[in-house]
């Protein structure tokens, strides 16, 4: 995973993606690996694949606050606000007093209500 982070910093996204995939194969319970793997795909503008990776991460780690937050942030970027709210609500069930999650939830709910 650390090699992937270095490769991302160097802008070598394809190699970083491969490293994060390998990290998940070695430890499928590593939330950071899923988030980093997804971020690699975001960097190459493959947002759908990035979302699929986070979904896989939540299947392995359904109570991961971090993966739910990453998925919510990705959905906001993709303008899928209803899905972002769902991920934020899942994150808030895990950490109900998390200020950043609460603020984002309020803002996204308000934006989603505008249509």
N, C-alpha and C. Protein backbone atom coordinates (compact mmCIF):
# COMPACT_ATOMS: atom_id res chain seq x y z
N UNK A 1 0.83 -1.20 0.00
CA UNK A 1 0.00 0.00 0.00
C UNK A 1 0.87 1.26 0.00
N UNK A 2 1.94 1.24 0.77
CA UNK A 2 2.82 2.41 0.85
C UNK A 2 3.46 2.73 -0.50
N UNK A 3 3.81 1.67 -1.24
CA UNK A 3 4.37 1.87 -2.59
C UNK A 3 3.34 2.57 -3.47
N UNK A 4 2.08 2.15 -3.37
CA UNK A 4 1.02 2.78 -4.15
C UNK A 4 0.87 4.25 -3.83
N UNK A 5 0.98 4.59 -2.56
CA UNK A 5 0.87 6.00 -2.15
C UNK A 5 2.00 6.81 -2.77
N UNK A 6 3.21 6.26 -2.75
CA UNK A 6 4.35 6.95 -3.37
C UNK A 6 4.15 7.11 -4.88
N UNK A 7 3.66 6.05 -5.51
CA UNK A 7 3.41 6.12 -6.95
C UNK A 7 2.34 7.16 -7.29
N UNK A 8 1.31 7.25 -6.44
CA UNK A 8 0.27 8.27 -6.66
C UNK A 8 0.89 9.67 -6.58
N UNK A 9 1.74 9.87 -5.58
CA UNK A 9 2.38 11.18 -5.40
C UNK A 9 3.25 11.55 -6.60
N UNK A 10 3.81 10.54 -7.26
CA UNK A 10 4.62 10.76 -8.45
C UNK A 10 3.79 10.90 -9.72
N UNK A 11 2.47 10.68 -9.60
CA UNK A 11 1.61 10.77 -10.76
C UNK A 11 1.56 9.50 -11.59
N UNK A 12 2.08 8.41 -11.06
CA UNK A 12 2.09 7.13 -11.77
C UNK A 12 0.85 6.33 -11.34
N UNK A 13 -0.29 6.76 -11.83
CA UNK A 13 -1.56 6.26 -11.34
C UNK A 13 -1.83 4.80 -11.70
N UNK A 14 -1.46 4.38 -12.90
CA UNK A 14 -1.71 2.99 -13.29
C UNK A 14 -0.95 2.02 -12.40
N UNK A 15 0.31 2.32 -12.14
CA UNK A 15 1.10 1.45 -11.26
C UNK A 15 0.58 1.52 -9.82
N UNK A 16 0.15 2.70 -9.39
CA UNK A 16 -0.41 2.84 -8.05
C UNK A 16 -1.67 1.99 -7.90
N UNK A 17 -2.52 2.05 -8.91
CA UNK A 17 -3.75 1.26 -8.89
C UNK A 17 -3.42 -0.23 -8.72
N UNK A 18 -2.43 -0.70 -9.46
CA UNK A 18 -2.03 -2.11 -9.36
C UNK A 18 -1.54 -2.44 -7.95
N UNK A 19 -0.81 -1.52 -7.34
CA UNK A 19 -0.30 -1.75 -5.98
C UNK A 19 -1.44 -1.80 -4.96
N UNK A 20 -2.42 -0.92 -5.12
CA UNK A 20 -3.55 -0.92 -4.18
C UNK A 20 -4.38 -2.19 -4.34
N UNK A 21 -4.52 -2.65 -5.58
CA UNK A 21 -5.22 -3.91 -5.81
C UNK A 21 -4.50 -5.06 -5.10
N UNK A 22 -3.19 -5.07 -5.22
CA UNK A 22 -2.39 -6.10 -4.57
C UNK A 22 -2.53 -6.00 -3.04
N UNK A 23 -2.57 -4.78 -2.52
CA UNK A 23 -2.71 -4.58 -1.08
C UNK A 23 -4.03 -5.15 -0.57
N UNK A 24 -5.09 -4.98 -1.36
CA UNK A 24 -6.40 -5.52 -0.96
C UNK A 24 -6.40 -7.05 -1.04
N UNK A 25 -5.73 -7.59 -2.05
CA UNK A 25 -5.62 -9.05 -2.14
C UNK A 25 -4.91 -9.62 -0.91
N UNK A 26 -3.90 -8.91 -0.44
CA UNK A 26 -3.14 -9.36 0.73
C UNK A 26 -3.91 -9.14 2.04
N UNK A 27 -4.67 -8.05 2.09
CA UNK A 27 -5.42 -7.74 3.31
C UNK A 27 -6.76 -7.10 2.93
N UNK A 28 -7.78 -7.93 2.69
CA UNK A 28 -9.08 -7.41 2.26
C UNK A 28 -9.84 -6.65 3.37
N UNK A 29 -9.23 -6.52 4.54
CA UNK A 29 -9.87 -5.79 5.64
C UNK A 29 -9.20 -4.44 5.88
N UNK A 30 -8.48 -3.94 4.90
CA UNK A 30 -7.76 -2.67 5.01
C UNK A 30 -8.57 -1.56 4.34
N UNK A 31 -9.27 -0.79 5.15
CA UNK A 31 -10.13 0.27 4.62
C UNK A 31 -9.33 1.29 3.81
N UNK A 32 -8.15 1.64 4.29
CA UNK A 32 -7.33 2.63 3.60
C UNK A 32 -6.95 2.15 2.20
N UNK A 33 -6.73 0.87 2.05
CA UNK A 33 -6.37 0.34 0.73
C UNK A 33 -7.52 0.53 -0.26
N UNK A 34 -8.75 0.27 0.18
CA UNK A 34 -9.91 0.48 -0.71
C UNK A 34 -10.03 1.96 -1.09
N UNK A 35 -9.86 2.83 -0.10
CA UNK A 35 -9.99 4.27 -0.35
C UNK A 35 -8.91 4.74 -1.32
N UNK A 36 -7.69 4.28 -1.11
CA UNK A 36 -6.58 4.67 -1.99
C UNK A 36 -6.77 4.09 -3.40
N UNK A 37 -7.22 2.85 -3.47
CA UNK A 37 -7.48 2.19 -4.75
C UNK A 37 -8.53 2.99 -5.53
N UNK A 38 -9.59 3.37 -4.84
CA UNK A 38 -10.64 4.18 -5.45
C UNK A 38 -10.10 5.53 -5.91
N UNK A 39 -9.27 6.15 -5.08
CA UNK A 39 -8.69 7.46 -5.42
C UNK A 39 -7.84 7.37 -6.68
N UNK A 40 -7.15 6.25 -6.85
CA UNK A 40 -6.37 6.06 -8.07
C UNK A 40 -7.25 6.11 -9.31
N UNK A 41 -8.39 5.45 -9.23
CA UNK A 41 -9.32 5.48 -10.36
C UNK A 41 -9.94 6.85 -10.55
N UNK A 42 -10.15 7.57 -9.46
CA UNK A 42 -10.64 8.95 -9.61
C UNK A 42 -9.63 9.79 -10.38
N UNK A 43 -8.35 9.58 -10.08
CA UNK A 43 -7.31 10.38 -10.72
C UNK A 43 -7.23 10.14 -12.22
N UNK A 44 -7.65 8.96 -12.68
CA UNK A 44 -7.66 8.69 -14.12
C UNK A 44 -9.07 8.84 -14.69
N UNK A 45 -9.91 9.54 -13.95
CA UNK A 45 -11.28 9.86 -14.36
C UNK A 45 -12.15 8.65 -14.64
N UNK A 46 -11.94 7.60 -13.89
CA UNK A 46 -12.79 6.42 -13.99
C UNK A 46 -13.65 6.38 -12.72
N UNK A 47 -14.59 7.32 -12.65
CA UNK A 47 -15.37 7.51 -11.42
C UNK A 47 -16.30 6.34 -11.13
N UNK A 48 -16.80 5.70 -12.17
CA UNK A 48 -17.67 4.55 -11.94
C UNK A 48 -16.88 3.41 -11.28
N UNK A 49 -15.69 3.15 -11.79
CA UNK A 49 -14.83 2.10 -11.20
C UNK A 49 -14.45 2.49 -9.76
N UNK A 50 -14.19 3.76 -9.53
CA UNK A 50 -13.87 4.21 -8.18
C UNK A 50 -15.02 3.90 -7.22
N UNK A 51 -16.24 4.14 -7.68
CA UNK A 51 -17.41 3.83 -6.87
C UNK A 51 -17.58 2.34 -6.61
N UNK A 52 -17.30 1.53 -7.62
CA UNK A 52 -17.41 0.08 -7.46
C UNK A 52 -16.41 -0.44 -6.42
N UNK A 53 -15.24 0.14 -6.41
CA UNK A 53 -14.24 -0.28 -5.43
C UNK A 53 -14.69 0.05 -4.02
N UNK A 54 -15.27 1.23 -3.84
CA UNK A 54 -15.76 1.59 -2.51
C UNK A 54 -16.93 0.69 -2.10
N UNK A 55 -17.76 0.31 -3.06
CA UNK A 55 -18.84 -0.63 -2.77
C UNK A 55 -18.27 -1.97 -2.31
N UNK A 56 -17.23 -2.44 -2.99
CA UNK A 56 -16.55 -3.68 -2.57
C UNK A 56 -15.99 -3.53 -1.16
N UNK A 57 -15.42 -2.37 -0.89
CA UNK A 57 -14.87 -2.11 0.44
C UNK A 57 -15.94 -2.16 1.52
N UNK A 58 -17.10 -1.63 1.20
CA UNK A 58 -18.19 -1.65 2.18
C UNK A 58 -18.78 -3.05 2.34
N UNK A 59 -18.68 -3.87 1.31
CA UNK A 59 -19.10 -5.26 1.47
C UNK A 59 -18.18 -5.99 2.44
N UNK A 60 -16.88 -5.69 2.35
CA UNK A 60 -15.91 -6.32 3.26
C UNK A 60 -15.94 -5.69 4.65
N UNK A 61 -16.17 -4.38 4.69
CA UNK A 61 -16.10 -3.62 5.94
C UNK A 61 -17.33 -2.71 6.07
N UNK A 62 -18.51 -3.28 6.30
CA UNK A 62 -19.74 -2.48 6.29
C UNK A 62 -19.80 -1.40 7.37
N UNK A 63 -19.01 -1.52 8.40
CA UNK A 63 -19.03 -0.52 9.47
C UNK A 63 -17.85 0.45 9.39
N UNK A 64 -17.29 0.59 8.20
CA UNK A 64 -16.17 1.50 8.02
C UNK A 64 -16.67 2.93 7.81
N UNK A 65 -16.44 3.76 8.81
CA UNK A 65 -16.77 5.17 8.70
C UNK A 65 -16.02 5.80 7.52
N UNK A 66 -14.73 5.48 7.40
CA UNK A 66 -13.89 6.10 6.38
C UNK A 66 -14.34 5.76 4.96
N UNK A 67 -14.70 4.50 4.73
CA UNK A 67 -15.15 4.14 3.38
C UNK A 67 -16.50 4.78 3.08
N UNK A 68 -17.40 4.83 4.04
CA UNK A 68 -18.67 5.52 3.82
C UNK A 68 -18.46 6.99 3.50
N UNK A 69 -17.53 7.63 4.18
CA UNK A 69 -17.25 9.04 3.90
C UNK A 69 -16.63 9.22 2.51
N UNK A 70 -15.72 8.32 2.15
CA UNK A 70 -15.12 8.40 0.81
C UNK A 70 -16.19 8.20 -0.26
N UNK A 71 -17.10 7.26 -0.03
CA UNK A 71 -18.17 7.02 -1.00
C UNK A 71 -19.10 8.23 -1.08
N UNK A 72 -19.40 8.83 0.05
CA UNK A 72 -20.25 10.03 0.04
C UNK A 72 -19.60 11.16 -0.74
N UNK A 73 -18.32 11.37 -0.51
CA UNK A 73 -17.60 12.43 -1.20
C UNK A 73 -17.57 12.18 -2.71
N UNK A 74 -17.34 10.94 -3.10
CA UNK A 74 -17.35 10.59 -4.52
C UNK A 74 -18.73 10.85 -5.12
N UNK A 75 -19.78 10.49 -4.41
CA UNK A 75 -21.14 10.70 -4.94
C UNK A 75 -21.45 12.19 -5.07
N UNK A 76 -20.94 13.01 -4.16
CA UNK A 76 -21.12 14.46 -4.30
C UNK A 76 -20.43 14.93 -5.57
N UNK A 77 -19.21 14.47 -5.81
CA UNK A 77 -18.48 14.84 -7.04
C UNK A 77 -19.23 14.41 -8.29
N UNK A 78 -19.89 13.26 -8.19
CA UNK A 78 -20.62 12.74 -9.34
C UNK A 78 -22.04 13.32 -9.43
N UNK A 79 -22.39 14.20 -8.52
CA UNK A 79 -23.71 14.86 -8.49
C UNK A 79 -24.83 13.86 -8.21
N UNK A 80 -24.51 12.79 -7.50
CA UNK A 80 -25.51 11.79 -7.10
C UNK A 80 -25.81 12.02 -5.62
N UNK A 81 -26.54 13.09 -5.36
CA UNK A 81 -26.71 13.58 -4.00
C UNK A 81 -27.52 12.64 -3.13
N UNK A 82 -28.53 11.99 -3.68
CA UNK A 82 -29.31 11.05 -2.87
C UNK A 82 -28.43 9.90 -2.37
N UNK A 83 -27.56 9.42 -3.22
CA UNK A 83 -26.65 8.34 -2.80
C UNK A 83 -25.64 8.86 -1.80
N UNK A 84 -25.20 10.10 -1.97
CA UNK A 84 -24.27 10.71 -1.01
C UNK A 84 -24.92 10.77 0.38
N UNK A 85 -26.19 11.17 0.42
CA UNK A 85 -26.91 11.24 1.69
C UNK A 85 -26.96 9.86 2.34
N UNK A 86 -27.22 8.83 1.56
CA UNK A 86 -27.28 7.46 2.10
C UNK A 86 -25.95 7.07 2.74
N UNK A 87 -24.85 7.35 2.06
CA UNK A 87 -23.54 7.02 2.62
C UNK A 87 -23.24 7.85 3.87
N UNK A 88 -23.62 9.12 3.83
CA UNK A 88 -23.39 9.98 5.00
C UNK A 88 -24.20 9.51 6.19
N UNK A 89 -25.43 9.08 5.95
CA UNK A 89 -26.25 8.58 7.05
C UNK A 89 -25.66 7.30 7.63
N UNK A 90 -25.10 6.45 6.77
CA UNK A 90 -24.43 5.24 7.26
C UNK A 90 -23.21 5.62 8.09
N UNK A 91 -22.44 6.59 7.63
CA UNK A 91 -21.27 7.04 8.38
C UNK A 91 -21.67 7.61 9.74
N UNK A 92 -22.77 8.37 9.75
CA UNK A 92 -23.21 8.98 11.00
C UNK A 92 -23.79 7.97 11.98
N UNK A 93 -24.25 6.85 11.49
CA UNK A 93 -24.67 5.78 12.41
C UNK A 93 -23.46 5.21 13.13
N UNK A 94 -22.32 5.24 12.47
CA UNK A 94 -21.08 4.70 13.04
C UNK A 94 -20.44 5.73 13.99
N UNK A 95 -20.40 6.98 13.55
CA UNK A 95 -19.82 8.07 14.36
C UNK A 95 -20.79 9.24 14.37
N UNK A 96 -21.81 9.19 15.24
CA UNK A 96 -22.88 10.19 15.22
C UNK A 96 -22.45 11.63 15.50
N UNK A 97 -21.34 11.83 16.17
CA UNK A 97 -20.93 13.19 16.54
C UNK A 97 -19.81 13.74 15.68
N UNK A 98 -19.55 13.12 14.55
CA UNK A 98 -18.45 13.56 13.68
C UNK A 98 -18.86 14.86 12.99
N UNK A 99 -18.17 15.94 13.35
CA UNK A 99 -18.56 17.28 12.88
C UNK A 99 -18.52 17.41 11.36
N UNK A 100 -17.47 16.92 10.73
CA UNK A 100 -17.36 17.04 9.26
C UNK A 100 -18.48 16.28 8.57
N UNK A 101 -18.78 15.08 9.05
CA UNK A 101 -19.85 14.28 8.45
C UNK A 101 -21.20 14.95 8.64
N UNK A 102 -21.43 15.49 9.83
CA UNK A 102 -22.70 16.19 10.09
C UNK A 102 -22.86 17.40 9.19
N UNK A 103 -21.80 18.18 9.06
CA UNK A 103 -21.86 19.38 8.22
C UNK A 103 -22.10 19.01 6.76
N UNK A 104 -21.38 18.02 6.28
CA UNK A 104 -21.56 17.59 4.89
C UNK A 104 -22.97 17.05 4.69
N UNK A 105 -23.48 16.27 5.64
CA UNK A 105 -24.83 15.72 5.55
C UNK A 105 -25.87 16.84 5.43
N UNK A 106 -25.76 17.86 6.28
CA UNK A 106 -26.71 18.99 6.24
C UNK A 106 -26.64 19.68 4.88
N UNK A 107 -25.42 19.96 4.41
CA UNK A 107 -25.26 20.66 3.14
C UNK A 107 -25.76 19.85 1.95
N UNK A 108 -25.45 18.56 1.93
CA UNK A 108 -25.87 17.71 0.81
C UNK A 108 -27.38 17.53 0.83
N UNK A 109 -27.95 17.34 2.02
CA UNK A 109 -29.42 17.21 2.11
C UNK A 109 -30.10 18.46 1.58
N UNK A 110 -29.57 19.63 1.94
CA UNK A 110 -30.15 20.89 1.48
C UNK A 110 -30.03 21.01 -0.03
N UNK A 111 -28.89 20.65 -0.57
CA UNK A 111 -28.67 20.71 -2.03
C UNK A 111 -29.58 19.72 -2.76
N UNK A 112 -29.72 18.53 -2.20
CA UNK A 112 -30.58 17.51 -2.82
C UNK A 112 -32.04 17.96 -2.81
N UNK A 113 -32.44 18.66 -1.77
CA UNK A 113 -33.83 19.12 -1.67
C UNK A 113 -34.15 20.17 -2.73
N UNK A 114 -33.13 20.91 -3.17
CA UNK A 114 -33.32 21.92 -4.22
C UNK A 114 -33.65 21.27 -5.55
N UNK A 115 -33.21 20.01 -5.70
CA UNK A 115 -33.49 19.29 -6.95
C UNK A 115 -32.41 19.50 -7.89
